[in-house]
């Protein structure tokens, strides 16, 4: 999915269709570029929410403790949440968290954590199961919240959350019990 396509769809949702011609091209005047930048900021806020609350981007990393503590600033990516901590042989480890480090017994471990996504820019491409429409709903919601238009924001909040639930919901085959005919 390209970010430009999501921004163009968002332009329709926030009733700024005239901006679509300036998405991803040079030459927008200052006022239009400011609106586009605001939409991009809103898209990043919605994408970060998705990645931190619904569909995390996971990263696995070997860590080494210093007196039973490992500071998050030493990770290769910015952390959003700890998913699991295991020994190098795969056994779960007990741990405790603080705002800047994780404490555990032992010298080394394998940490699986959710990462804060990178900021998206115009013309970027991302691979995700989230449809463009859903990301555009979240972008529109953020845009209306910034404009203090709570009624419009509520409409897109509902669309955004309902659509996300449908994407995230575990889909399985529904099995109906076999009925026997009794006479």
Protein backbone atom coordinates (compact mmCIF):
# COMPACT_ATOMS: atom_id res chain seq x y z
CA UNK A 1 0.00 0.00 0.00
CA UNK A 2 1.31 3.46 -0.77
CA UNK A 3 0.93 6.33 1.65
CA UNK A 4 -0.05 8.62 -1.23
CA UNK A 5 -3.13 6.48 -1.93
CA UNK A 6 -4.18 6.59 1.73
CA UNK A 7 -3.77 10.38 1.81
CA UNK A 8 -5.82 10.74 -1.39
CA UNK A 9 -8.61 8.63 0.08
CA UNK A 10 -8.42 10.66 3.30
CA UNK A 11 -8.84 13.85 1.25
CA UNK A 12 -12.23 12.54 0.15
CA UNK A 13 -13.23 11.64 3.71
CA UNK A 14 -12.34 15.08 5.11
CA UNK A 15 -13.94 16.90 2.15
CA UNK A 16 -10.71 18.25 0.66
CA UNK A 17 -10.80 16.63 -2.80
CA UNK A 18 -8.85 19.52 -4.34
CA UNK A 19 -5.77 18.39 -2.41
CA UNK A 20 -5.60 15.02 -4.18
CA UNK A 21 -3.83 16.52 -7.19
CA UNK A 22 -0.96 17.74 -4.95
CA UNK A 23 -0.33 14.43 -3.13
CA UNK A 24 3.14 13.17 -3.94
CA UNK A 25 4.03 15.94 -6.39
CA UNK A 26 6.03 19.12 -6.11
CA UNK A 27 4.38 22.48 -6.56
CA UNK A 28 1.71 22.72 -3.90
CA UNK A 29 1.35 26.21 -2.49
CA UNK A 30 2.12 26.77 1.18
CA UNK A 31 -1.50 26.52 2.38
CA UNK A 32 -2.17 23.25 0.53
CA UNK A 33 1.17 21.77 1.60
CA UNK A 34 0.32 22.62 5.21
CA UNK A 35 -3.00 20.74 4.90
CA UNK A 36 -1.23 17.76 3.32
CA UNK A 37 1.37 17.72 6.09
CA UNK A 38 -1.43 17.77 8.65
CA UNK A 39 -3.07 14.79 6.94
CA UNK A 40 0.27 12.95 6.96
CA UNK A 41 0.65 13.67 10.67
CA UNK A 42 -2.86 12.33 11.26
CA UNK A 43 -2.04 9.21 9.25
CA UNK A 44 1.05 8.61 11.38
CA UNK A 45 -1.00 8.97 14.57
CA UNK A 46 -3.56 6.43 13.32
CA UNK A 47 -0.85 4.02 12.14
CA UNK A 48 0.95 4.22 15.49
CA UNK A 49 -2.32 3.47 17.28
CA UNK A 50 -2.90 0.43 15.09
CA UNK A 51 0.64 -0.84 15.68
CA UNK A 52 0.59 -0.25 19.42
CA UNK A 53 -2.93 -1.44 20.25
CA UNK A 54 -4.20 -3.80 17.55
CA UNK A 55 -1.54 -5.26 15.26
CA UNK A 56 1.91 -4.86 16.78
CA UNK A 57 5.09 -4.99 14.74
CA UNK A 58 7.20 -7.54 16.58
CA UNK A 59 10.96 -7.67 16.88
CA UNK A 60 13.11 -10.36 18.49
CA UNK A 61 16.45 -9.47 20.02
CA UNK A 62 19.09 -11.11 22.21
CA UNK A 63 19.84 -9.00 25.27
CA UNK A 64 22.52 -9.09 27.96
CA UNK A 65 21.79 -7.81 31.44
CA UNK A 66 23.95 -5.61 33.60
CA UNK A 67 23.34 -6.65 37.23
CA UNK A 68 19.97 -8.11 36.26
CA UNK A 69 18.80 -5.03 34.34
CA UNK A 70 18.60 -4.20 30.66
CA UNK A 71 17.85 -0.65 29.55
CA UNK A 72 15.48 -0.15 26.63
CA UNK A 73 17.73 2.56 25.20
CA UNK A 74 20.14 -0.27 24.24
CA UNK A 75 17.60 -1.93 21.93
CA UNK A 76 18.01 -1.60 18.17
CA UNK A 77 14.43 -0.36 17.72
CA UNK A 78 12.14 1.84 19.86
CA UNK A 79 10.06 -0.37 22.14
CA UNK A 80 6.31 -0.06 22.59
CA UNK A 81 5.54 -3.17 24.68
CA UNK A 82 7.22 -6.31 25.96
CA UNK A 83 5.67 -9.44 24.49
CA UNK A 84 7.88 -12.14 26.02
CA UNK A 85 11.22 -12.78 27.65
CA UNK A 86 12.83 -16.22 27.38
CA UNK A 87 16.14 -17.85 28.07
CA UNK A 88 18.34 -18.66 25.10
CA UNK A 89 17.00 -22.22 25.33
CA UNK A 90 13.40 -21.00 25.07
CA UNK A 91 12.22 -21.21 28.69
CA UNK A 92 10.01 -18.32 29.88
CA UNK A 93 11.66 -15.89 32.29
CA UNK A 94 9.99 -13.89 35.03
CA UNK A 95 10.65 -10.19 34.72
CA UNK A 96 9.59 -6.81 36.02
CA UNK A 97 9.27 -3.61 34.06
CA UNK A 98 10.01 -0.01 34.78
CA UNK A 99 9.68 2.91 32.40
CA UNK A 100 13.26 2.62 31.15
CA UNK A 101 14.40 -0.97 31.75
CA UNK A 102 13.48 -4.60 32.27
CA UNK A 103 14.78 -6.59 35.25
CA UNK A 104 15.26 -10.35 35.20
CA UNK A 105 17.46 -13.04 36.70
CA UNK A 106 20.30 -14.23 34.53
CA UNK A 107 22.85 -12.75 32.21
CA UNK A 108 21.19 -13.03 28.82
CA UNK A 109 17.76 -13.58 27.31
CA UNK A 110 15.72 -13.33 24.15
CA UNK A 111 13.29 -10.40 24.21
CA UNK A 112 10.32 -10.24 21.88
CA UNK A 113 8.84 -6.76 21.83
CA UNK A 114 6.45 -4.56 19.89
CA UNK A 115 8.15 -1.64 18.19
CA UNK A 116 7.02 1.91 17.61
CA UNK A 117 6.61 2.16 13.83
CA UNK A 118 8.80 4.50 11.80
CA UNK A 119 7.24 7.77 10.72
CA UNK A 120 5.65 7.41 7.30
CA UNK A 121 6.24 9.94 4.53
CA UNK A 122 4.62 10.70 1.21
CA UNK A 123 5.45 8.06 -1.43
CA UNK A 124 6.40 5.46 1.23
CA UNK A 125 5.10 1.95 0.81
CA UNK A 126 4.15 -0.31 3.67
CA UNK A 127 3.18 -3.96 3.73
CA UNK A 128 0.28 -4.57 6.06
CA UNK A 129 -3.00 -6.44 6.23
CA UNK A 130 -4.75 -3.17 7.07
CA UNK A 131 -6.77 -1.97 4.06
CA UNK A 132 -6.14 1.58 2.80
CA UNK A 133 -9.72 2.46 3.67
CA UNK A 134 -9.23 1.60 7.36
CA UNK A 135 -6.07 3.68 7.63
CA UNK A 136 -7.88 6.52 5.86
CA UNK A 137 -10.72 6.28 8.42
CA UNK A 138 -8.20 6.70 11.22
CA UNK A 139 -6.55 9.59 9.39
CA UNK A 140 -9.91 11.33 8.96
CA UNK A 141 -10.74 10.79 12.64
CA UNK A 142 -7.46 12.39 13.73
CA UNK A 143 -7.95 15.27 11.29
CA UNK A 144 -11.42 16.04 12.61
CA UNK A 145 -10.20 15.82 16.21
CA UNK A 146 -7.49 18.39 15.39
CA UNK A 147 -10.17 20.63 13.91
CA UNK A 148 -12.33 20.23 17.05
CA UNK A 149 -15.12 18.69 14.96
CA UNK A 150 -16.20 16.03 17.42
CA UNK A 151 -19.34 14.89 15.59
CA UNK A 152 -17.40 14.10 12.40
CA UNK A 153 -14.57 12.57 14.46
CA UNK A 154 -17.06 10.27 16.20
CA UNK A 155 -18.38 9.01 12.87
CA UNK A 156 -14.88 8.11 11.68
CA UNK A 157 -13.94 6.75 15.12
CA UNK A 158 -16.77 4.23 14.79
CA UNK A 159 -15.81 3.30 11.22
CA UNK A 160 -12.14 3.02 12.17
CA UNK A 161 -12.64 0.85 15.26
CA UNK A 162 -15.31 -1.39 13.68
CA UNK A 163 -13.16 -1.97 10.61
CA UNK A 164 -10.09 -2.68 12.73
CA UNK A 165 -12.03 -5.20 14.80
CA UNK A 166 -13.04 -6.99 11.59
CA UNK A 167 -9.43 -7.11 10.41
CA UNK A 168 -8.06 -8.25 13.77
CA UNK A 169 -10.84 -10.67 14.68
CA UNK A 170 -9.79 -14.27 14.41
CA UNK A 171 -11.68 -15.73 11.52
CA UNK A 172 -12.46 -19.40 11.69
CA UNK A 173 -14.74 -21.78 9.95
CA UNK A 174 -18.10 -22.03 11.60
CA UNK A 175 -19.02 -25.67 12.19
CA UNK A 176 -22.66 -26.44 12.70
CA UNK A 177 -23.68 -29.58 14.54
CA UNK A 178 -25.06 -32.35 12.38
CA UNK A 179 -28.80 -32.63 12.79
CA UNK A 180 -30.55 -35.93 12.59
CA UNK A 181 -34.09 -36.28 11.48
CA UNK A 182 -36.26 -38.06 13.97
CA UNK A 183 -39.60 -39.43 12.90
